[in-house]
Amino acid sequence: MNFSELFKLSGLLCRFSPDGKCLASCVQYRLVVRDASSLQILQLYTCLDQIQHIEWSSDSLFILCAMYKRGIVQVWSLEQPAWHCKIDEGSAGLVASCWSPDGRHILNTTEFHLRITVWSLCTKSVSYIKYPKACQQGIAFSRDGHYVAVAERRDCKDFISIFVCTDWQLLRHFDTETQDLAGIEWAPNGCVLAAWDACLEYKMLLYSLDGRLLSTYRAYEWSLGIKSVAWSPSSQFLAIGSYDEKVRILNHVTWKKITEFEHPAAVVNTKAVVYKEVEKSPAAEKLPFPPPRALASSLFSTHSKYDISPVPASLHCVKPVADRANPKMGIGMLAFSPDNCFLASKNDNIPHAVWIWDIQKLKLFAVLEQLCPIQCFQWDPCQPRLAVCTGNSKVYLWSPAGCVAVQVPLEGDFQILSLSWHSSGDSLVLLSKENFCVCYLEREEV
C-alpha cells in the first residue's frame, strides 16, 4: 500500500471523475483538477466565492461548483478551459444543485423549496418543476438516466412526479399515502420506486413506473420508524434500517420481509467472526537512543491490529439521550457490496461497530469493533472489500479473507473523516477537515 503526500482541502470537497482519470478538490474558492494517477495539476479554476458543493458531469467533461450563500453555480469545462458558465438564481436563492444524468442539464433548487429550475447548457433553455418537497432525499434519477422522480408537497399532501429527462415533460403525477414523505429511491433496474415516510410513522411504499402502488410495508406502529434505506445492486432486495436497531430485508417478488437482522450489544452467533481493534505502542527499550528521525515519530504513535474475539463478545454500547431530537439510535448506515453478496450496517447506539451480513445465507458474517466511532464506510466498486475510517489517521480494510488496519505514514495530525474509492478499486482518497491524500492499493491486498 502506498500513500501520496497531503494536499490542502476545504469542506471535504474531493471527488474522482466518473471515468476515473481526474480528481477534483476545493480549497475555499479554488477548484483544483489533478490527474488521478500522477496527481499532477491539470487545471486550476477560481470561483466567485467559497465553494460549498462540487459535482462531475456523467461524461467527466464538466464540473459544477455551487456557492449556496451567493445563489450562484459556476460550470467549468475540462476540454476548453477558457469556456465557463455562470448561473445566478438571484433573489430566489439556492439550497441544492445537481447534474442530470446526461451531463448537459443542471437542476437548481431555490430557497424555501419554491421550485427546481432546470438549466440546459446546450440550448440555454429553462424549465421549472414546482412545489418540490424539502426532505432528506427528494430527487431520484433512474439508473439508466431516462427518468427523474421528484417528491412534491401541495395543499398539505405529498405527491410524486415522474419526468422524462430528455425534454422534462411530465410522465406521471400521483399522490402518496404518506403523512410526511421523507425520501424516494429507484431500484437499480429502474422498474420500482421506493418511497418512505418520516421517522414518526413506519411506512415503505413501492410504486411502478406508471404510478401504481405495488405494495405497502409496515413493520410496526406507534414508534420511531425508518432511518436508512438501501437497494441491492441486483434490485432483488430492499434493506430498511429502523430506529428499533433492526434491518429488514424485503424481496422483489412479493415485497414481503424475508428476514430481519438484529444488532444487539452482544454477538452470540458462533459462526460470525468478531474482529476487535487493539492498540499497541512500539516497545521503547528496543529503539536506539537518540532514535533516527524515521523512528522518532513512531515513538509517539500507536499501531493497531485486529484480534479475533471469542464469541459471545460484548460490544461498546451508548445510551441515546431520550429527550433530544434525532436520537443516536437505530440503523444509520447501510450499504450492499457490488457483487450483491454482503450488506454492511451500523447501529448508531453501538457507534464503534460495523456489522457485515452474508446475503446468500442471510446470516451474520463478521463484526468489526473499532476503538473510535465509525465516521464512514464504503465498498470497493469492483469486489467485496470494505474501507472504514474512524476519525483517526488509520484506514481499515475488510474482505472475506480477513481484516487489516493501516497507519497513514504522514507527519502531523491527519484525522480521516471520509473516504471514497476510485472506480477501478485500485485507490482510495482519504479526506480530513483540511487535507486529503490518496492511498494506492496492490491487487492482492487483504
Protein backbone atom coordinates (compact mmCIF):
# COMPACT_ATOMS: atom_id res chain seq x y z
CA MET A 1 0.00 0.00 0.00
CA ASN A 2 1.39 3.43 -0.94
CA PHE A 3 0.29 6.92 0.11
CA SER A 4 0.61 10.28 -1.61
CA GLU A 5 1.65 13.44 0.20
CA LEU A 6 -1.00 15.63 1.85
CA PHE A 7 -2.84 18.25 -0.21
CA LYS A 8 -4.93 21.15 1.06
CA LEU A 9 -8.72 20.77 1.15
CA SER A 10 -11.80 22.59 2.44
CA GLY A 11 -15.32 21.36 3.14
CA LEU A 12 -14.44 17.67 2.47
CA LEU A 13 -14.92 18.50 -1.23
CA CYS A 14 -12.87 15.99 -3.20
CA ARG A 15 -14.25 13.73 -5.97
CA PHE A 16 -12.87 11.31 -8.54
CA SER A 17 -14.31 11.85 -12.02
CA PRO A 18 -16.71 9.09 -13.23
CA ASP A 19 -14.17 7.93 -15.86
CA GLY A 20 -11.50 7.69 -13.14
CA LYS A 21 -8.99 9.93 -14.94
CA CYS A 22 -9.21 13.06 -12.78
CA LEU A 23 -9.51 14.09 -9.14
CA ALA A 24 -11.17 17.41 -8.27
CA SER A 25 -10.66 19.13 -4.92
CA CYS A 26 -11.57 22.52 -3.44
CA VAL A 27 -9.53 24.96 -1.40
CA GLN A 28 -12.04 27.64 -0.39
CA TYR A 29 -12.84 29.45 -3.70
CA ARG A 30 -10.33 27.49 -5.83
CA LEU A 31 -11.09 24.32 -7.77
CA VAL A 32 -8.06 22.12 -8.42
CA VAL A 33 -8.27 19.31 -11.01
CA ARG A 34 -5.48 16.71 -10.86
CA ASP A 35 -4.52 13.67 -12.87
CA ALA A 36 -5.84 10.74 -10.78
CA SER A 37 -2.72 8.60 -11.24
CA SER A 38 0.15 11.12 -11.06
CA LEU A 39 -1.71 13.82 -9.01
CA GLN A 40 -0.19 16.49 -11.27
CA ILE A 41 -2.37 19.61 -11.51
CA LEU A 42 -4.20 19.70 -14.86
CA GLN A 43 -6.42 22.75 -14.33
CA LEU A 44 -6.89 25.45 -11.72
CA TYR A 45 -10.16 27.40 -11.65
CA THR A 46 -11.08 30.39 -9.49
CA CYS A 47 -14.71 30.78 -8.41
CA LEU A 48 -16.53 33.90 -7.25
CA ASP A 49 -16.94 32.74 -3.63
CA GLN A 50 -16.23 29.84 -1.30
CA ILE A 51 -17.35 26.57 -2.93
CA GLN A 52 -19.89 24.54 -0.94
CA HIS A 53 -20.63 21.70 -3.38
CA ILE A 54 -18.92 20.15 -6.40
CA GLU A 55 -20.16 17.51 -8.83
CA TRP A 56 -18.79 15.96 -12.03
CA SER A 57 -20.96 15.55 -15.11
CA SER A 58 -21.57 11.89 -16.06
CA ASP A 59 -19.13 12.08 -19.00
CA SER A 60 -16.38 13.74 -16.86
CA LEU A 61 -16.16 16.72 -19.26
CA PHE A 62 -17.69 19.36 -16.96
CA ILE A 63 -17.60 20.13 -13.27
CA LEU A 64 -20.19 22.12 -11.34
CA CYS A 65 -19.32 24.35 -8.34
CA ALA A 66 -22.21 25.62 -6.21
CA MET A 67 -21.94 28.65 -3.94
CA TYR A 68 -25.17 28.49 -1.96
CA LYS A 69 -24.55 31.67 0.04
CA ARG A 70 -24.33 33.71 -3.18
CA GLY A 71 -27.04 31.76 -5.04
CA ILE A 72 -24.55 31.05 -7.85
CA VAL A 73 -23.44 27.95 -9.77
CA GLN A 74 -20.32 28.01 -11.94
CA VAL A 75 -19.60 25.31 -14.52
CA TRP A 76 -16.11 24.61 -15.90
CA SER A 77 -15.08 22.62 -18.96
CA LEU A 78 -12.04 20.34 -18.89
CA GLU A 79 -11.74 20.22 -22.69
CA GLN A 80 -12.00 24.01 -23.14
CA PRO A 81 -10.55 25.74 -20.03
CA ALA A 82 -11.41 29.18 -21.42
CA TRP A 83 -15.14 28.30 -21.59
CA HIS A 84 -17.20 28.74 -18.49
CA CYS A 85 -20.79 29.21 -17.47
CA LYS A 86 -22.36 31.08 -14.57
CA ILE A 87 -25.92 30.53 -13.35
CA ASP A 88 -27.24 33.17 -10.94
CA GLU A 89 -30.51 32.35 -9.20
CA GLY A 90 -30.72 35.93 -7.89
CA SER A 91 -33.22 36.69 -5.15
CA ALA A 92 -34.71 33.19 -5.39
CA GLY A 93 -31.58 31.86 -3.64
CA LEU A 94 -30.09 28.39 -3.87
CA VAL A 95 -30.11 25.39 -1.49
CA ALA A 96 -29.16 22.49 -3.78
CA SER A 97 -27.65 21.89 -7.22
CA CYS A 98 -27.03 18.71 -9.22
CA TRP A 99 -26.43 17.39 -12.74
CA SER A 100 -28.98 15.47 -14.76
CA PRO A 101 -27.71 12.07 -15.98
CA ASP A 102 -26.97 13.40 -19.49
CA GLY A 103 -24.44 15.87 -18.09
CA ARG A 104 -25.95 18.76 -20.06
CA HIS A 105 -28.68 19.99 -17.67
CA ILE A 106 -28.36 21.42 -14.15
CA LEU A 107 -31.15 21.22 -11.56
CA ASN A 108 -31.12 24.07 -9.04
CA THR A 109 -33.44 24.08 -6.02
CA THR A 110 -34.34 27.59 -4.81
CA GLU A 111 -34.63 28.71 -1.21
CA PHE A 112 -37.72 27.55 0.72
CA HIS A 113 -38.05 24.83 -1.97
CA LEU A 114 -40.29 27.08 -4.09
CA ARG A 115 -39.20 25.40 -7.33
CA ILE A 116 -36.50 23.44 -9.15
CA THR A 117 -35.03 25.25 -12.17
CA VAL A 118 -33.66 23.04 -14.96
CA TRP A 119 -30.98 24.86 -16.99
CA SER A 120 -29.80 23.48 -20.34
CA LEU A 121 -26.11 24.06 -21.19
CA CYS A 122 -26.75 23.29 -24.88
CA THR A 123 -29.83 25.36 -25.72
CA LYS A 124 -29.77 27.76 -22.71
CA SER A 125 -33.46 26.95 -22.23
CA VAL A 126 -35.03 26.87 -18.76
CA SER A 127 -37.72 24.53 -17.36
CA TYR A 128 -39.39 24.69 -13.97
CA ILE A 129 -40.58 21.99 -11.56
CA LYS A 130 -42.93 23.45 -8.96
CA TYR A 131 -43.56 22.56 -5.29
CA PRO A 132 -40.51 20.33 -4.61
CA LYS A 133 -40.56 18.98 -1.09
CA ALA A 134 -37.85 19.81 1.44
CA CYS A 135 -36.93 16.29 2.51
CA GLN A 136 -33.96 14.03 3.08
CA GLN A 137 -33.94 12.60 -0.48
CA GLY A 138 -36.40 14.45 -2.71
CA ILE A 139 -34.90 13.94 -6.21
CA ALA A 140 -34.09 10.48 -7.62
CA PHE A 141 -32.80 9.69 -11.12
CA SER A 142 -33.28 6.22 -12.59
CA ARG A 143 -30.00 4.37 -13.19
CA ASP A 144 -30.43 4.45 -17.00
CA GLY A 145 -30.88 8.24 -16.84
CA HIS A 146 -34.26 8.27 -18.62
CA TYR A 147 -36.47 9.40 -15.72
CA VAL A 148 -36.37 11.60 -12.65
CA ALA A 149 -38.79 11.31 -9.73
CA VAL A 150 -39.42 14.42 -7.61
CA ALA A 151 -41.11 14.47 -4.21
CA GLU A 152 -43.65 17.31 -4.02
CA ARG A 153 -45.83 18.91 -1.36
CA ARG A 154 -49.08 20.60 -2.44
CA ASP A 155 -52.10 21.56 -0.31
CA CYS A 156 -50.63 19.75 2.72
CA LYS A 157 -50.38 16.46 0.79
CA ASP A 158 -47.42 14.51 -0.58
CA PHE A 159 -47.10 13.76 -4.31
CA ILE A 160 -44.51 12.24 -6.65
CA SER A 161 -43.98 13.49 -10.19
CA ILE A 162 -42.00 11.48 -12.75
CA PHE A 163 -40.43 13.44 -15.61
CA VAL A 164 -38.67 12.32 -18.81
CA CYS A 165 -35.09 13.65 -18.64
CA THR A 166 -34.74 14.37 -22.37
CA ASP A 167 -37.44 17.09 -22.61
CA TRP A 168 -38.55 17.44 -18.93
CA GLN A 169 -42.15 16.55 -19.83
CA LEU A 170 -44.34 15.21 -17.02
CA LEU A 171 -44.86 11.45 -17.40
CA ARG A 172 -46.82 10.64 -14.22
CA HIS A 173 -48.14 12.57 -11.22
CA PHE A 174 -49.68 10.75 -8.24
CA ASP A 175 -50.28 11.25 -4.55
CA THR A 176 -48.56 9.06 -1.95
CA GLU A 177 -50.15 7.54 1.12
CA THR A 178 -47.65 9.22 3.44
CA GLN A 179 -48.02 11.62 6.35
CA ASP A 180 -44.65 13.24 5.68
CA LEU A 181 -42.68 11.81 2.74
CA ALA A 182 -39.00 11.57 3.74
CA GLY A 183 -37.30 10.14 0.65
CA ILE A 184 -37.52 8.32 -2.69
CA GLU A 185 -35.10 5.90 -4.37
CA TRP A 186 -35.25 3.98 -7.67
CA ALA A 187 -34.35 0.31 -7.79
CA PRO A 188 -31.15 -0.08 -9.88
CA ASN A 189 -33.16 -1.73 -12.72
CA GLY A 190 -35.47 1.32 -12.85
CA CYS A 191 -38.69 -0.72 -12.55
CA VAL A 192 -39.69 0.19 -8.98
CA LEU A 193 -39.62 3.40 -6.96
CA ALA A 194 -39.38 3.15 -3.17
CA ALA A 195 -40.90 5.98 -1.10
CA TRP A 196 -40.83 6.11 2.68
CA ASP A 197 -42.42 8.13 5.45
CA ALA A 198 -40.61 10.29 8.00
CA CYS A 199 -39.48 8.68 11.25
CA LEU A 200 -42.76 9.28 13.13
CA GLU A 201 -44.53 6.63 11.05
CA TYR A 202 -43.14 3.33 9.77
CA LYS A 203 -44.27 3.08 6.14
CA MET A 204 -42.49 1.91 2.97
CA LEU A 205 -44.37 2.28 -0.33
CA LEU A 206 -43.32 0.69 -3.64
CA TYR A 207 -44.55 2.17 -6.92
CA SER A 208 -44.25 1.07 -10.54
CA LEU A 209 -43.09 3.47 -13.26
CA ASP A 210 -46.71 4.27 -14.18
CA GLY A 211 -47.56 5.28 -10.59
CA ARG A 212 -49.36 2.10 -9.46
CA LEU A 213 -48.89 1.22 -5.80
CA LEU A 214 -47.33 -2.27 -5.86
CA SER A 215 -47.02 -2.80 -2.12
CA THR A 216 -47.03 -1.17 1.30
CA TYR A 217 -44.80 -2.45 4.09
CA ARG A 218 -45.14 -1.59 7.78
CA ALA A 219 -43.10 -3.39 10.42
CA TYR A 220 -44.72 -1.80 13.48
CA GLU A 221 -46.71 1.23 14.68
CA TRP A 222 -46.52 3.91 17.40
CA SER A 223 -42.74 4.11 17.48
CA LEU A 224 -39.94 5.79 15.52
CA GLY A 225 -39.77 4.20 12.06
CA ILE A 226 -37.41 4.13 9.05
CA LYS A 227 -33.91 5.64 9.33
CA SER A 228 -31.97 4.32 6.29
CA VAL A 229 -32.72 2.53 3.01
CA ALA A 230 -30.53 0.64 0.51
CA TRP A 231 -31.28 -1.30 -2.69
CA SER A 232 -29.13 -4.31 -3.60
CA PRO A 233 -27.29 -3.87 -6.94
CA SER A 234 -29.40 -6.66 -8.48
CA SER A 235 -32.68 -4.94 -7.37
CA GLN A 236 -33.71 -8.24 -5.70
CA PHE A 237 -33.55 -6.93 -2.14
CA LEU A 238 -34.53 -3.74 -0.37
CA ALA A 239 -32.85 -3.25 3.02
CA ILE A 240 -34.65 -1.00 5.52
CA GLY A 241 -32.82 0.20 8.64
CA SER A 242 -35.06 1.26 11.51
CA TYR A 243 -34.89 3.04 14.86
CA ASP A 244 -35.59 -0.31 16.60
CA GLU A 245 -31.99 -1.40 15.78
CA LYS A 246 -33.02 -3.90 13.09
CA VAL A 247 -32.50 -4.22 9.33
CA ARG A 248 -35.41 -5.79 7.45
CA ILE A 249 -34.86 -7.30 4.00
CA LEU A 250 -37.77 -7.25 1.52
CA ASN A 251 -37.76 -9.48 -1.59
CA HIS A 252 -38.60 -8.19 -5.09
CA VAL A 253 -41.30 -10.75 -5.88
CA THR A 254 -43.87 -10.25 -3.11
CA TRP A 255 -42.28 -7.21 -1.37
CA LYS A 256 -42.65 -9.09 1.91
CA LYS A 257 -39.99 -9.42 4.58
CA ILE A 258 -37.71 -12.43 4.11
CA THR A 259 -35.57 -11.85 7.21
CA GLU A 260 -34.52 -9.29 9.77
CA PHE A 261 -31.06 -8.63 11.16
CA GLU A 262 -30.76 -7.61 14.82
CA HIS A 263 -27.87 -5.54 16.22
CA PRO A 264 -27.64 -6.45 19.93
CA ALA A 265 -24.89 -5.28 22.32
CA ALA A 266 -23.54 -8.84 22.50
CA VAL A 267 -22.66 -11.04 19.49
CA VAL A 268 -23.72 -14.62 20.24
CA ASN A 269 -23.58 -16.16 16.75
CA THR A 270 -20.68 -18.65 16.92
CA LYS A 271 -20.36 -18.73 13.10
CA ALA A 272 -19.60 -14.96 12.95
CA VAL A 273 -16.06 -13.61 13.30
CA VAL A 274 -15.66 -10.65 15.68
CA TYR A 275 -12.59 -8.53 14.87
CA LYS A 276 -11.59 -6.23 17.73
CA GLU A 277 -9.15 -3.39 17.11
CA VAL A 278 -6.35 -3.25 19.72
CA GLU A 279 -3.60 -0.66 20.01
CA LYS A 280 -0.02 -1.25 20.98
CA SER A 281 2.82 1.24 21.34
CA PRO A 282 6.20 0.24 19.93
CA ALA A 283 8.49 -1.04 22.68
CA ALA A 284 10.69 1.91 23.67
CA GLU A 285 13.50 -0.27 25.04
CA LYS A 286 14.18 -1.79 21.61
CA LEU A 287 14.84 1.60 19.99
CA PRO A 288 18.32 3.16 19.81
CA PHE A 289 18.87 6.47 21.57
CA PRO A 290 18.63 9.03 20.16
CA PRO A 291 16.19 7.38 17.73
CA PRO A 292 16.62 8.03 13.98
CA ARG A 293 14.24 10.61 12.57
CA ALA A 294 12.20 7.92 10.77
CA LEU A 295 11.56 6.19 14.09
CA ALA A 296 11.13 9.31 16.23
CA SER A 297 7.57 9.96 15.09
CA SER A 298 6.62 6.31 15.58
CA LEU A 299 7.73 6.52 19.22
CA PHE A 300 4.64 8.56 20.00
CA SER A 301 2.24 6.84 17.61
CA THR A 302 0.33 3.67 18.33
CA HIS A 303 -0.10 0.78 15.94
CA SER A 304 -3.41 -1.01 15.53
CA LYS A 305 -4.08 -4.61 14.76
CA TYR A 306 -7.14 -6.84 14.93
CA ASP A 307 -7.66 -9.58 17.48
CA ILE A 308 -10.37 -12.17 16.95
CA SER A 309 -12.67 -12.06 19.98
CA PRO A 310 -14.16 -15.24 21.41
CA VAL A 311 -17.94 -15.43 20.97
CA PRO A 312 -20.12 -14.37 22.80
CA ALA A 313 -18.49 -10.94 22.52
CA SER A 314 -19.90 -7.79 24.10
CA LEU A 315 -19.73 -4.51 22.16
CA HIS A 316 -19.39 -0.95 23.43
CA CYS A 317 -22.93 0.47 23.67
CA VAL A 318 -24.03 4.12 24.12
CA LYS A 319 -27.37 5.00 25.68
CA PRO A 320 -29.21 7.56 23.49
CA VAL A 321 -30.39 10.82 25.04
CA ALA A 322 -34.16 10.33 25.15
CA ASP A 323 -35.33 13.97 25.30
CA ARG A 324 -33.42 15.23 22.20
CA ALA A 325 -34.49 15.27 18.56
CA ASN A 326 -32.84 12.75 16.18
CA PRO A 327 -31.64 10.37 18.92
CA LYS A 328 -28.40 8.48 18.24
CA MET A 329 -30.08 5.11 17.92
CA GLY A 330 -31.09 2.73 15.16
CA ILE A 331 -29.53 1.79 11.82
CA GLY A 332 -27.93 4.98 10.47
CA MET A 333 -25.78 3.50 7.66
CA LEU A 334 -26.44 0.67 5.17
CA ALA A 335 -24.58 -0.44 2.04
CA PHE A 336 -24.60 -3.53 -0.20
CA SER A 337 -21.36 -4.85 -1.71
CA PRO A 338 -21.16 -4.52 -5.53
CA ASP A 339 -21.42 -8.31 -6.04
CA ASN A 340 -24.65 -8.49 -4.00
CA CYS A 341 -23.06 -10.93 -1.51
CA PHE A 342 -22.70 -8.74 1.60
CA LEU A 343 -24.51 -5.96 3.45
CA ALA A 344 -22.67 -3.61 5.83
CA SER A 345 -24.62 -1.80 8.54
CA LYS A 346 -24.00 0.45 11.52
CA ASN A 347 -26.23 0.72 14.59
CA ASP A 348 -25.93 4.26 15.99
CA ASN A 349 -26.21 3.13 19.61
CA ILE A 350 -23.19 0.84 19.05
CA PRO A 351 -21.12 3.51 17.23
CA HIS A 352 -17.80 1.62 17.21
CA ALA A 353 -19.02 -1.44 15.28
CA VAL A 354 -19.64 -2.34 11.62
CA TRP A 355 -21.80 -5.42 11.02
CA ILE A 356 -21.30 -7.44 7.83
CA TRP A 357 -24.08 -9.80 6.75
CA ASP A 358 -23.89 -12.68 4.27
CA ILE A 359 -26.81 -12.06 1.89
CA GLN A 360 -26.70 -15.53 0.30
CA LYS A 361 -27.09 -17.26 3.67
CA LEU A 362 -28.94 -14.34 5.34
CA LYS A 363 -26.66 -14.64 8.38
CA LEU A 364 -24.15 -12.51 10.27
CA PHE A 365 -20.70 -12.98 8.72
CA ALA A 366 -18.41 -10.61 10.66
CA VAL A 367 -18.36 -7.70 13.11
CA LEU A 368 -15.58 -5.09 13.22
CA GLU A 369 -15.30 -3.33 16.57
CA GLN A 370 -13.14 -0.21 16.39
CA LEU A 371 -11.59 1.85 19.19
CA CYS A 372 -13.17 5.08 17.84
CA PRO A 373 -16.71 5.71 16.48
CA ILE A 374 -17.21 4.86 12.78
CA GLN A 375 -17.24 8.00 10.61
CA CYS A 376 -17.72 6.43 7.19
CA PHE A 377 -17.55 3.12 5.34
CA GLN A 378 -17.68 2.35 1.63
CA TRP A 379 -17.45 -0.76 -0.54
CA ASP A 380 -14.82 -1.18 -3.23
CA PRO A 381 -16.80 -0.82 -6.53
CA CYS A 382 -15.17 -3.94 -8.04
CA GLN A 383 -15.00 -6.57 -5.28
CA PRO A 384 -16.32 -7.32 -1.77
CA ARG A 385 -13.82 -5.18 0.12
CA LEU A 386 -14.94 -2.60 2.69
CA ALA A 387 -12.94 0.50 3.69
CA VAL A 388 -13.68 2.07 7.07
CA CYS A 389 -12.48 5.29 8.75
CA THR A 390 -12.95 6.36 12.38
CA GLY A 391 -11.64 9.94 12.62
CA ASN A 392 -8.01 8.93 13.32
CA SER A 393 -5.03 8.59 10.98
CA LYS A 394 -5.69 4.93 10.12
CA VAL A 395 -7.65 3.28 7.32
CA TYR A 396 -9.23 -0.14 7.88
CA LEU A 397 -9.94 -2.71 5.16
CA TRP A 398 -12.12 -5.81 5.45
CA SER A 399 -12.64 -8.62 2.94
CA PRO A 400 -13.92 -12.20 3.40
CA ALA A 401 -10.25 -13.22 3.74
CA GLY A 402 -9.62 -11.02 6.78
CA CYS A 403 -9.10 -7.58 8.21
CA VAL A 404 -6.21 -5.09 8.28
CA ALA A 405 -5.52 -1.71 9.93
CA VAL A 406 -3.08 0.61 8.14
CA GLN A 407 -1.44 3.67 9.66
CA VAL A 408 -1.19 6.56 7.16
CA PRO A 409 2.55 7.42 7.29
CA LEU A 410 2.22 11.20 7.27
CA GLU A 411 3.53 13.81 9.69
CA GLY A 412 1.08 15.90 11.67
CA ASP A 413 -2.48 15.28 12.74
CA PHE A 414 -4.41 13.71 9.84
CA GLN A 415 -7.88 12.69 11.05
CA ILE A 416 -9.74 10.79 8.33
CA LEU A 417 -13.42 11.82 8.36
CA SER A 418 -14.46 10.46 4.97
CA LEU A 419 -13.17 8.28 2.15
CA SER A 420 -14.05 7.47 -1.43
CA TRP A 421 -12.97 4.70 -3.83
CA HIS A 422 -11.62 5.15 -7.34
CA SER A 423 -13.89 3.44 -9.90
CA SER A 424 -11.17 0.81 -10.56
CA GLY A 425 -10.88 -0.13 -6.86
CA ASP A 426 -7.10 0.42 -7.08
CA SER A 427 -7.00 3.56 -4.94
CA LEU A 428 -8.85 5.47 -2.23
CA VAL A 429 -8.99 9.17 -1.44
CA LEU A 430 -8.85 9.86 2.31
CA LEU A 431 -10.32 13.17 3.49
CA SER A 432 -9.73 15.15 6.68
CA LYS A 433 -11.06 18.58 7.58
CA GLU A 434 -8.16 20.46 5.95
CA ASN A 435 -6.23 17.89 3.87
CA PHE A 436 -6.55 14.84 1.68
CA CYS A 437 -4.23 12.11 0.46
CA VAL A 438 -4.58 9.22 -1.98
CA CYS A 439 -3.94 5.64 -0.91
CA TYR A 440 -2.84 3.22 -3.67
CA LEU A 441 -3.54 -0.49 -3.18
CA GLU A 442 -1.93 -3.50 -4.79
CA ARG A 443 -4.32 -6.02 -6.31
CA GLU A 444 -3.58 -8.86 -3.87
CA GLU A 445 -4.03 -6.85 -0.68
CA VAL A 446 -6.36 -8.04 2.11
